[in-house]
Amino acid sequence: MKHLLKNSVGQLRLIALLEGTSLLLLLFVAMPLKYFFDFAQATQYMGMIHGGLFLLFIFNTFSMSIEKKWGFKNTTCKILVACVIPFGTFYIDKTILSKLQ
């Protein structure tokens, strides 16, 4: 984990990991708890955590895009689309972000 924090690409990779994990927890843990067990607080809290990580990921993606002069269509757009698809950030980490570091 420490090696991820050494540069801005590593920081984006760590945020992608956290954002992707929070999305999966929201979809596959909190949502079933809400709808099958009437435990709405699960989505309330997990939704806030995921929302914060999502915004942090978007902000850092745009910052990295400007810093590294990525093309919007080639890199930035792919990364932004991936963060709304379950398992998308893990795929983007493996195919794009790990190669940039």
PDB file of N, CA and C in Angstrom:
ATOM      1  N   MET A   1       0.807  -1.206   0.000  1.00  0.00           N
ATOM      2  CA  MET A   1       0.000   0.000   0.000  1.00  0.00           C
ATOM      3  C   MET A   1       0.848   1.267   0.000  1.00  0.00           C
ATOM      4  N   LYS A   2       1.982   1.222   0.710  1.00  0.00           N
ATOM      5  CA  LYS A   2       2.808   2.420   0.813  1.00  0.00           C
ATOM      6  C   LYS A   2       3.324   2.873  -0.543  1.00  0.00           C
ATOM      7  N   HIS A   3       3.616   1.918  -1.434  1.00  0.00           N
ATOM      8  CA  HIS A   3       4.133   2.291  -2.740  1.00  0.00           C
ATOM      9  C   HIS A   3       3.102   3.039  -3.587  1.00  0.00           C
ATOM     10  N   LEU A   4       1.825   2.854  -3.293  1.00  0.00           N
ATOM     11  CA  LEU A   4       0.786   3.555  -4.037  1.00  0.00           C
ATOM     12  C   LEU A   4       0.769   5.054  -3.742  1.00  0.00           C
ATOM     13  N   LEU A   5       1.170   5.434  -2.543  1.00  0.00           N
ATOM     14  CA  LEU A   5       1.077   6.827  -2.134  1.00  0.00           C
ATOM     15  C   LEU A   5       2.277   7.667  -2.559  1.00  0.00           C
ATOM     16  N   LYS A   6       3.241   7.091  -3.239  1.00  0.00           N
ATOM     17  CA  LYS A   6       4.461   7.813  -3.577  1.00  0.00           C
ATOM     18  C   LYS A   6       4.275   8.853  -4.672  1.00  0.00           C
ATOM     19  N   ASN A   7       3.289   8.686  -5.550  1.00  0.00           N
ATOM     20  CA  ASN A   7       3.065   9.675  -6.606  1.00  0.00           C
ATOM     21  C   ASN A   7       1.569   9.825  -6.876  1.00  0.00           C
ATOM     22  N   SER A   8       1.225  10.761  -7.740  1.00  0.00           N
ATOM     23  CA  SER A   8      -0.186  11.076  -7.973  1.00  0.00           C
ATOM     24  C   SER A   8      -0.929   9.940  -8.675  1.00  0.00           C
ATOM     25  N   VAL A   9      -0.253   9.186  -9.522  1.00  0.00           N
ATOM     26  CA  VAL A   9      -0.904   8.035 -10.167  1.00  0.00           C
ATOM     27  C   VAL A   9      -1.218   6.973  -9.119  1.00  0.00           C
ATOM     28  N   GLY A  10      -0.294   6.748  -8.215  1.00  0.00           N
ATOM     29  CA  GLY A  10      -0.523   5.795  -7.139  1.00  0.00           C
ATOM     30  C   GLY A  10      -1.672   6.213  -6.239  1.00  0.00           C
ATOM     31  N   GLN A  11      -1.770   7.499  -5.971  1.00  0.00           N
ATOM     32  CA  GLN A  11      -2.879   8.000  -5.162  1.00  0.00           C
ATOM     33  C   GLN A  11      -4.210   7.781  -5.877  1.00  0.00           C
ATOM     34  N   LEU A  12      -4.230   8.022  -7.194  1.00  0.00           N
ATOM     35  CA  LEU A  12      -5.456   7.784  -7.966  1.00  0.00           C
ATOM     36  C   LEU A  12      -5.803   6.299  -7.965  1.00  0.00           C
ATOM     37  N   ARG A  13      -4.808   5.437  -8.051  1.00  0.00           N
ATOM     38  CA  ARG A  13      -5.058   3.996  -7.998  1.00  0.00           C
ATOM     39  C   ARG A  13      -5.657   3.584  -6.662  1.00  0.00           C
ATOM     40  N   LEU A  14      -5.151   4.147  -5.573  1.00  0.00           N
ATOM     41  CA  LEU A  14      -5.685   3.833  -4.249  1.00  0.00           C
ATOM     42  C   LEU A  14      -7.132   4.327  -4.120  1.00  0.00           C
ATOM     43  N   ILE A  15      -7.394   5.528  -4.584  1.00  0.00           N
ATOM     44  CA  ILE A  15      -8.760   6.063  -4.536  1.00  0.00           C
ATOM     45  C   ILE A  15      -9.685   5.215  -5.403  1.00  0.00           C
ATOM     46  N   ALA A  16      -9.196   4.751  -6.563  1.00  0.00           N
ATOM     47  CA  ALA A  16      -9.999   3.886  -7.437  1.00  0.00           C
ATOM     48  C   ALA A  16     -10.350   2.583  -6.730  1.00  0.00           C
ATOM     49  N   LEU A  17      -9.381   2.018  -6.013  1.00  0.00           N
ATOM     50  CA  LEU A  17      -9.625   0.791  -5.258  1.00  0.00           C
ATOM     51  C   LEU A  17     -10.690   1.011  -4.186  1.00  0.00           C
ATOM     52  N   LEU A  18     -10.568   2.102  -3.451  1.00  0.00           N
ATOM     53  CA  LEU A  18     -11.539   2.404  -2.391  1.00  0.00           C
ATOM     54  C   LEU A  18     -12.919   2.711  -2.973  1.00  0.00           C
ATOM     55  N   GLU A  19     -12.960   3.475  -4.063  1.00  0.00           N
ATOM     56  CA  GLU A  19     -14.244   3.830  -4.685  1.00  0.00           C
ATOM     57  C   GLU A  19     -14.935   2.590  -5.233  1.00  0.00           C
ATOM     58  N   GLY A  20     -14.175   1.741  -5.905  1.00  0.00           N
ATOM     59  CA  GLY A  20     -14.749   0.513  -6.454  1.00  0.00           C
ATOM     60  C   GLY A  20     -15.265  -0.421  -5.367  1.00  0.00           C
ATOM     61  N   THR A  21     -14.506  -0.528  -4.295  1.00  0.00           N
ATOM     62  CA  THR A  21     -14.932  -1.364  -3.171  1.00  0.00           C
ATOM     63  C   THR A  21     -16.198  -0.807  -2.524  1.00  0.00           C
ATOM     64  N   SER A  22     -16.255   0.518  -2.366  1.00  0.00           N
ATOM     65  CA  SER A  22     -17.449   1.116  -1.748  1.00  0.00           C
ATOM     66  C   SER A  22     -18.683   0.930  -2.624  1.00  0.00           C
ATOM     67  N   LEU A  23     -18.506   0.974  -3.951  1.00  0.00           N
ATOM     68  CA  LEU A  23     -19.643   0.735  -4.851  1.00  0.00           C
ATOM     69  C   LEU A  23     -20.145  -0.699  -4.700  1.00  0.00           C
ATOM     70  N   LEU A  24     -19.227  -1.644  -4.643  1.00  0.00           N
ATOM     71  CA  LEU A  24     -19.626  -3.046  -4.480  1.00  0.00           C
ATOM     72  C   LEU A  24     -20.315  -3.286  -3.139  1.00  0.00           C
ATOM     73  N   LEU A  25     -19.787  -2.668  -2.085  1.00  0.00           N
ATOM     74  CA  LEU A  25     -20.434  -2.800  -0.776  1.00  0.00           C
ATOM     75  C   LEU A  25     -21.825  -2.182  -0.779  1.00  0.00           C
ATOM     76  N   LEU A  26     -21.963  -1.064  -1.448  1.00  0.00           N
ATOM     77  CA  LEU A  26     -23.269  -0.414  -1.542  1.00  0.00           C
ATOM     78  C   LEU A  26     -24.265  -1.296  -2.295  1.00  0.00           C
ATOM     79  N   LEU A  27     -23.838  -1.832  -3.428  1.00  0.00           N
ATOM     80  CA  LEU A  27     -24.748  -2.631  -4.255  1.00  0.00           C
ATOM     81  C   LEU A  27     -25.051  -4.011  -3.681  1.00  0.00           C
ATOM     82  N   PHE A  28     -24.029  -4.677  -3.163  1.00  0.00           N
ATOM     83  CA  PHE A  28     -24.197  -6.080  -2.793  1.00  0.00           C
ATOM     84  C   PHE A  28     -24.341  -6.338  -1.298  1.00  0.00           C
ATOM     85  N   VAL A  29     -24.157  -5.314  -0.475  1.00  0.00           N
ATOM     86  CA  VAL A  29     -24.363  -5.484   0.967  1.00  0.00           C
ATOM     87  C   VAL A  29     -25.452  -4.537   1.468  1.00  0.00           C
ATOM     88  N   ALA A  30     -25.256  -3.243   1.242  1.00  0.00           N
ATOM     89  CA  ALA A  30     -26.190  -2.257   1.798  1.00  0.00           C
ATOM     90  C   ALA A  30     -27.571  -2.326   1.148  1.00  0.00           C
ATOM     91  N   MET A  31     -27.624  -2.465  -0.160  1.00  0.00           N
ATOM     92  CA  MET A  31     -28.931  -2.516  -0.830  1.00  0.00           C
ATOM     93  C   MET A  31     -29.745  -3.749  -0.403  1.00  0.00           C
ATOM     94  N   PRO A  32     -29.164  -4.957  -0.373  1.00  0.00           N
ATOM     95  CA  PRO A  32     -29.935  -6.095   0.144  1.00  0.00           C
ATOM     96  C   PRO A  32     -30.377  -5.910   1.594  1.00  0.00           C
ATOM     97  N   LEU A  33     -29.506  -5.315   2.415  1.00  0.00           N
ATOM     98  CA  LEU A  33     -29.917  -5.061   3.802  1.00  0.00           C
ATOM     99  C   LEU A  33     -31.126  -4.139   3.850  1.00  0.00           C
ATOM    100  N   LYS A  34     -31.147  -3.151   2.969  1.00  0.00           N
ATOM    101  CA  LYS A  34     -32.265  -2.204   2.952  1.00  0.00           C
ATOM    102  C   LYS A  34     -33.557  -2.872   2.485  1.00  0.00           C
ATOM    103  N   TYR A  35     -33.489  -3.592   1.382  1.00  0.00           N
ATOM    104  CA  TYR A  35     -34.714  -4.099   0.775  1.00  0.00           C
ATOM    105  C   TYR A  35     -35.169  -5.458   1.306  1.00  0.00           C
ATOM    106  N   PHE A  36     -34.266  -6.279   1.792  1.00  0.00           N
ATOM    107  CA  PHE A  36     -34.678  -7.588   2.295  1.00  0.00           C
ATOM    108  C   PHE A  36     -34.840  -7.628   3.810  1.00  0.00           C
ATOM    109  N   PHE A  37     -34.120  -6.748   4.517  1.00  0.00           N
ATOM    110  CA  PHE A  37     -34.156  -6.768   5.969  1.00  0.00           C
ATOM    111  C   PHE A  37     -34.616  -5.454   6.582  1.00  0.00           C
ATOM    112  N   ASP A  38     -35.098  -4.552   5.728  1.00  0.00           N
ATOM    113  CA  ASP A  38     -35.643  -3.263   6.167  1.00  0.00           C
ATOM    114  C   ASP A  38     -34.659  -2.486   7.051  1.00  0.00           C
ATOM    115  N   PHE A  39     -33.391  -2.487   6.631  1.00  0.00           N
ATOM    116  CA  PHE A  39     -32.335  -1.795   7.363  1.00  0.00           C
ATOM    117  C   PHE A  39     -31.805  -0.666   6.476  1.00  0.00           C
ATOM    118  N   ALA A  40     -32.553   0.442   6.460  1.00  0.00           N
ATOM    119  CA  ALA A  40     -32.250   1.553   5.558  1.00  0.00           C
ATOM    120  C   ALA A  40     -30.980   2.304   5.935  1.00  0.00           C
ATOM    121  N   GLN A  41     -30.555   2.235   7.169  1.00  0.00           N
ATOM    122  CA  GLN A  41     -29.344   2.951   7.595  1.00  0.00           C
ATOM    123  C   GLN A  41     -28.106   2.454   6.846  1.00  0.00           C
ATOM    124  N   ALA A  42     -28.114   1.209   6.404  1.00  0.00           N
ATOM    125  CA  ALA A  42     -26.960   0.667   5.682  1.00  0.00           C
ATOM    126  C   ALA A  42     -26.705   1.463   4.407  1.00  0.00           C
ATOM    127  N   THR A  43     -27.760   1.735   3.652  1.00  0.00           N
ATOM    128  CA  THR A  43     -27.576   2.513   2.418  1.00  0.00           C
ATOM    129  C   THR A  43     -27.300   3.973   2.724  1.00  0.00           C
ATOM    130  N   GLN A  44     -27.840   4.450   3.811  1.00  0.00           N
ATOM    131  CA  GLN A  44     -27.602   5.840   4.199  1.00  0.00           C
ATOM    132  C   GLN A  44     -26.117   6.080   4.442  1.00  0.00           C
ATOM    133  N   TYR A  45     -25.511   5.270   5.267  1.00  0.00           N
ATOM    134  CA  TYR A  45     -24.107   5.459   5.622  1.00  0.00           C
ATOM    135  C   TYR A  45     -23.171   5.055   4.482  1.00  0.00           C
ATOM    136  N   MET A  46     -23.441   3.908   3.881  1.00  0.00           N
ATOM    137  CA  MET A  46     -22.574   3.463   2.787  1.00  0.00           C
ATOM    138  C   MET A  46     -22.713   4.394   1.588  1.00  0.00           C
ATOM    139  N   GLY A  47     -23.903   4.933   1.387  1.00  0.00           N
ATOM    140  CA  GLY A  47     -24.108   5.886   0.299  1.00  0.00           C
ATOM    141  C   GLY A  47     -23.302   7.158   0.490  1.00  0.00           C
ATOM    142  N   MET A  48     -23.234   7.641   1.722  1.00  0.00           N
ATOM    143  CA  MET A  48     -22.434   8.841   2.003  1.00  0.00           C
ATOM    144  C   MET A  48     -20.952   8.570   1.793  1.00  0.00           C
ATOM    145  N   ILE A  49     -20.490   7.428   2.258  1.00  0.00           N
ATOM    146  CA  ILE A  49     -19.081   7.077   2.088  1.00  0.00           C
ATOM    147  C   ILE A  49     -18.745   6.941   0.609  1.00  0.00           C
ATOM    148  N   HIS A  50     -19.594   6.210  -0.111  1.00  0.00           N
ATOM    149  CA  HIS A  50     -19.360   6.020  -1.542  1.00  0.00           C
ATOM    150  C   HIS A  50     -19.425   7.359  -2.290  1.00  0.00           C
ATOM    151  N   GLY A  51     -20.370   8.197  -1.944  1.00  0.00           N
ATOM    152  CA  GLY A  51     -20.493   9.499  -2.601  1.00  0.00           C
ATOM    153  C   GLY A  51     -19.242  10.348  -2.422  1.00  0.00           C
ATOM    154  N   GLY A  52     -18.690  10.356  -1.216  1.00  0.00           N
ATOM    155  CA  GLY A  52     -17.459  11.103  -0.967  1.00  0.00           C
ATOM    156  C   GLY A  52     -16.290  10.544  -1.753  1.00  0.00           C
ATOM    157  N   LEU A  53     -16.158   9.227  -1.775  1.00  0.00           N
ATOM    158  CA  LEU A  53     -15.074   8.603  -2.532  1.00  0.00           C
ATOM    159  C   LEU A  53     -15.253   8.806  -4.034  1.00  0.00           C
ATOM    160  N   PHE A  54     -16.497   8.777  -4.496  1.00  0.00           N
ATOM    161  CA  PHE A  54     -16.798   9.006  -5.906  1.00  0.00           C
ATOM    162  C   PHE A  54     -16.363  10.412  -6.323  1.00  0.00           C
ATOM    163  N   LEU A  55     -16.721  11.409  -5.525  1.00  0.00           N
ATOM    164  CA  LEU A  55     -16.322  12.788  -5.836  1.00  0.00           C
ATOM    165  C   LEU A  55     -14.810  12.956  -5.783  1.00  0.00           C
ATOM    166  N   LEU A  56     -14.173  12.336  -4.813  1.00  0.00           N
ATOM    167  CA  LEU A  56     -12.721  12.393  -4.709  1.00  0.00           C
ATOM    168  C   LEU A  56     -12.069  11.750  -5.932  1.00  0.00           C
ATOM    169  N   PHE A  57     -12.620  10.638  -6.386  1.00  0.00           N
ATOM    170  CA  PHE A  57     -12.104   9.963  -7.571  1.00  0.00           C
ATOM    171  C   PHE A  57     -12.261  10.836  -8.815  1.00  0.00           C
ATOM    172  N   ILE A  58     -13.430  11.440  -8.984  1.00  0.00           N
ATOM    173  CA  ILE A  58     -13.676  12.311 -10.146  1.00  0.00           C
ATOM    174  C   ILE A  58     -12.706  13.488 -10.126  1.00  0.00           C
ATOM    175  N   PHE A  59     -12.585  14.140  -8.973  1.00  0.00           N
ATOM    176  CA  PHE A  59     -11.688  15.291  -8.847  1.00  0.00           C
ATOM    177  C   PHE A  59     -10.248  14.894  -9.171  1.00  0.00           C
ATOM    178  N   ASN A  60      -9.788  13.787  -8.610  1.00  0.00           N
ATOM    179  CA  ASN A  60      -8.414  13.354  -8.859  1.00  0.00           C
ATOM    180  C   ASN A  60      -8.189  12.905 -10.297  1.00  0.00           C
ATOM    181  N   THR A  61      -9.202  12.330 -10.922  1.00  0.00           N
ATOM    182  CA  THR A  61      -9.079  11.953 -12.331  1.00  0.00           C
ATOM    183  C   THR A  61      -8.889  13.187 -13.192  1.00  0.00           C
ATOM    184  N   PHE A  62      -9.693  14.224 -12.960  1.00  0.00           N
ATOM    185  CA  PHE A  62      -9.528  15.453 -13.737  1.00  0.00           C
ATOM    186  C   PHE A  62      -8.187  16.124 -13.442  1.00  0.00           C
ATOM    187  N   SER A  63      -7.768  16.130 -12.194  1.00  0.00           N
ATOM    188  CA  SER A  63      -6.468  16.703 -11.837  1.00  0.00           C
ATOM    189  C   SER A  63      -5.339  15.959 -12.542  1.00  0.00           C
ATOM    190  N   MET A  64      -5.404  14.645 -12.517  1.00  0.00           N
ATOM    191  CA  MET A  64      -4.390  13.834 -13.181  1.00  0.00           C
ATOM    192  C   MET A  64      -4.420  14.036 -14.685  1.00  0.00           C
ATOM    193  N   SER A  65      -5.608  14.160 -15.234  1.00  0.00           N
ATOM    194  CA  SER A  65      -5.759  14.379 -16.672  1.00  0.00           C
ATOM    195  C   SER A  65      -5.072  15.668 -17.111  1.00  0.00           C
ATOM    196  N   ILE A  66      -5.233  16.707 -16.320  1.00  0.00           N
ATOM    197  CA  ILE A  66      -4.590  17.988 -16.629  1.00  0.00           C
ATOM    198  C   ILE A  66      -3.083  17.889 -16.420  1.00  0.00           C
ATOM    199  N   GLU A  67      -2.677  17.281 -15.306  1.00  0.00           N
ATOM    200  CA  GLU A  67      -1.252  17.169 -14.972  1.00  0.00           C
ATOM    201  C   GLU A  67      -0.484  16.343 -16.005  1.00  0.00           C
ATOM    202  N   LYS A  68      -1.054  15.228 -16.416  1.00  0.00           N
ATOM    203  CA  LYS A  68      -0.367  14.308 -17.333  1.00  0.00           C
ATOM    204  C   LYS A  68      -0.707  14.554 -18.801  1.00  0.00           C
ATOM    205  N   LYS A  69      -1.590  15.537 -19.049  1.00  0.00           N
ATOM    206  CA  LYS A  69      -2.015  15.884 -20.409  1.00  0.00           C
ATOM    207  C   LYS A  69      -2.601  14.674 -21.161  1.00  0.00           C
ATOM    208  N   TRP A  70      -3.516  13.978 -20.453  1.00  0.00           N
ATOM    209  CA  TRP A  70      -4.190  12.860 -21.084  1.00  0.00           C
ATOM    210  C   TRP A  70      -5.178  13.392 -22.108  1.00  0.00           C
ATOM    211  N   GLY A  71      -5.402  12.647 -23.150  1.00  0.00           N
ATOM    212  CA  GLY A  71      -6.483  12.974 -24.066  1.00  0.00           C
ATOM    213  C   GLY A  71      -7.801  12.604 -23.414  1.00  0.00           C
ATOM    214  N   PHE A  72      -8.807  13.450 -23.569  1.00  0.00           N
ATOM    215  CA  PHE A  72     -10.073  13.170 -22.892  1.00  0.00           C
ATOM    216  C   PHE A  72     -10.681  11.868 -23.389  1.00  0.00           C
ATOM    217  N   LYS A  73     -10.735  11.700 -24.689  1.00  0.00           N
ATOM    218  CA  LYS A  73     -11.395  10.529 -25.264  1.00  0.00           C
ATOM    219  C   LYS A  73     -10.622   9.237 -24.983  1.00  0.00           C
ATOM    220  N   ASN A  74      -9.319   9.306 -25.032  1.00  0.00           N
ATOM    221  CA  ASN A  74      -8.510   8.089 -24.902  1.00  0.00           C
ATOM    222  C   ASN A  74      -8.368   7.585 -23.486  1.00  0.00           C
ATOM    223  N   THR A  75      -8.182   8.457 -22.538  1.00  0.00           N
ATOM    224  CA  THR A  75      -7.907   7.998 -21.181  1.00  0.00           C
ATOM    225  C   THR A  75      -8.929   8.500 -20.171  1.00  0.00           C
ATOM    226  N   THR A  76      -9.110   9.794 -20.087  1.00  0.00           N
ATOM    227  CA  THR A  76      -9.956  10.385 -19.053  1.00  0.00           C
ATOM    228  C   THR A  76     -11.392   9.867 -19.127  1.00  0.00           C
ATOM    229  N   CYS A  77     -11.955   9.851 -20.303  1.00  0.00           N
ATOM    230  CA  CYS A  77     -13.347   9.410 -20.467  1.00  0.00           C
ATOM    231  C   CYS A  77     -13.510   7.946 -20.055  1.00  0.00           C
ATOM    232  N   LYS A  78     -12.554   7.110 -20.426  1.00  0.00           N
ATOM    233  CA  LYS A  78     -12.619   5.687 -20.057  1.00  0.00           C
ATOM    234  C   LYS A  78     -12.596   5.515 -18.539  1.00  0.00           C
ATOM    235  N   ILE A  79     -11.731   6.286 -17.885  1.00  0.00           N
ATOM    236  CA  ILE A  79     -11.631   6.186 -16.425  1.00  0.00           C
ATOM    237  C   ILE A  79     -12.912   6.664 -15.767  1.00  0.00           C
ATOM    238  N   LEU A  80     -13.487   7.757 -16.279  1.00  0.00           N
ATOM    239  CA  LEU A  80     -14.720   8.294 -15.689  1.00  0.00           C
ATOM    240  C   LEU A  80     -15.907   7.361 -15.897  1.00  0.00           C
ATOM    241  N   VAL A  81     -15.997   6.734 -17.040  1.00  0.00           N
ATOM    242  CA  VAL A  81     -17.092   5.791 -17.292  1.00  0.00           C
ATOM    243  C   VAL A  81     -16.944   4.559 -16.401  1.00  0.00           C
ATOM    244  N   ALA A  82     -15.722   4.119 -16.213  1.00  0.00           N
ATOM    245  CA  ALA A  82     -15.482   2.912 -15.412  1.00  0.00           C
ATOM    246  C   ALA A  82     -15.932   3.058 -13.970  1.00  0.00           C
ATOM    247  N   CYS A  83     -15.910   4.280 -13.446  1.00  0.00           N
ATOM    248  CA  CYS A  83     -16.234   4.429 -12.018  1.00  0.00           C
ATOM    249  C   CYS A  83     -17.724   4.293 -11.726  1.00  0.00           C
ATOM    250  N   VAL A  84     -18.570   4.229 -12.743  1.00  0.00           N
ATOM    251  CA  VAL A  84     -19.999   4.033 -12.496  1.00  0.00           C
ATOM    252  C   VAL A  84     -20.438   2.598 -12.799  1.00  0.00           C
ATOM    253  N   ILE A  85     -19.503   1.772 -13.237  1.00  0.00           N
ATOM    254  CA  ILE A  85     -19.791   0.369 -13.550  1.00  0.00           C
ATOM    255  C   ILE A  85     -19.193  -0.510 -12.451  1.00  0.00           C
ATOM    256  N   PRO A  86     -19.975  -1.411 -11.876  1.00  0.00           N
ATOM    257  CA  PRO A  86     -19.397  -2.303 -10.867  1.00  0.00           C
ATOM    258  C   PRO A  86     -18.184  -3.053 -11.429  1.00  0.00           C
ATOM    259  N   PHE A  87     -17.135  -3.109 -10.673  1.00  0.00           N
ATOM    260  CA  PHE A  87     -15.849  -3.705 -11.028  1.00  0.00           C
ATOM    261  C   PHE A  87     -15.079  -2.889 -12.067  1.00  0.00           C
ATOM    262  N   GLY A  88     -15.627  -1.764 -12.502  1.00  0.00           N
ATOM    263  CA  GLY A  88     -14.989  -0.939 -13.530  1.00  0.00           C
ATOM    264  C   GLY A  88     -13.674  -0.329 -13.090  1.00  0.00           C
ATOM    265  N   THR A  89     -13.597   0.141 -11.861  1.00  0.00           N
ATOM    266  CA  THR A  89     -12.352   0.765 -11.409  1.00  0.00           C
ATOM    267  C   THR A  89     -11.240  -0.269 -11.271  1.00  0.00           C
ATOM    268  N   PHE A  90     -11.593  -1.507 -10.963  1.00  0.00           N
ATOM    269  CA  PHE A  90     -10.581  -2.555 -10.873  1.00  0.00           C
ATOM    270  C   PHE A  90     -10.019  -2.870 -12.266  1.00  0.00           C
ATOM    271  N   TYR A  91     -10.898  -2.887 -13.244  1.00  0.00           N
ATOM    272  CA  TYR A  91     -10.485  -3.122 -14.634  1.00  0.00           C
ATOM    273  C   TYR A  91      -9.593  -1.982 -15.131  1.00  0.00           C
ATOM    274  N   ILE A  92      -9.995  -0.751 -14.870  1.00  0.00           N
ATOM    275  CA  ILE A  92      -9.221   0.416 -15.300  1.00  0.00           C
ATOM    276  C   ILE A  92      -7.867   0.447 -14.592  1.00  0.00           C
ATOM    277  N   ASP A  93      -7.835   0.060 -13.339  1.00  0.00           N
ATOM    278  CA  ASP A  93      -6.560   0.008 -12.630  1.00  0.00           C
ATOM    279  C   ASP A  93      -5.612  -0.975 -13.311  1.00  0.00           C
ATOM    280  N   LYS A  94      -6.141  -2.118 -13.655  1.00  0.00           N
ATOM    281  CA  LYS A  94      -5.311  -3.160 -14.281  1.00  0.00           C
ATOM    282  C   LYS A  94      -4.876  -2.773 -15.692  1.00  0.00           C
ATOM    283  N   THR A  95      -5.767  -2.173 -16.482  1.00  0.00           N
ATOM    284  CA  THR A  95      -5.469  -1.926 -17.889  1.00  0.00           C
ATOM    285  C   THR A  95      -4.818  -0.563 -18.166  1.00  0.00           C
ATOM    286  N   ILE A  96      -5.128   0.463 -17.369  1.00  0.00           N
ATOM    287  CA  ILE A  96      -4.604   1.802 -17.660  1.00  0.00           C
ATOM    288  C   ILE A  96      -3.711   2.323 -16.547  1.00  0.00           C
ATOM    289  N   LEU A  97      -4.228   2.410 -15.336  1.00  0.00           N
ATOM    290  CA  LEU A  97      -3.509   3.105 -14.259  1.00  0.00           C
ATOM    291  C   LEU A  97      -2.214   2.411 -13.849  1.00  0.00           C
ATOM    292  N   SER A  98      -2.212   1.088 -13.793  1.00  0.00           N
ATOM    293  CA  SER A  98      -0.988   0.380 -13.397  1.00  0.00           C
ATOM    294  C   SER A  98       0.132   0.589 -14.409  1.00  0.00           C
ATOM    295  N   LYS A  99      -0.218   0.776 -15.669  1.00  0.00           N
ATOM    296  CA  LYS A  99       0.787   1.001 -16.711  1.00  0.00           C
ATOM    297  C   LYS A  99       1.335   2.425 -16.687  1.00  0.00           C
ATOM    298  N   LEU A 100       0.569   3.360 -16.123  1.00  0.00           N
ATOM    299  CA  LEU A 100       1.027   4.742 -16.029  1.00  0.00           C
ATOM    300  C   LEU A 100       2.012   4.926 -14.894  1.00  0.00           C
ATOM    301  N   GLN A 101       1.953   4.079 -13.920  1.00  0.00           N
ATOM    302  CA  GLN A 101       2.821   4.216 -12.745  1.00  0.00           C
ATOM    303  C   GLN A 101       4.150   3.609 -13.069  1.00  0.00           C
TER     304      GLN A 101
END
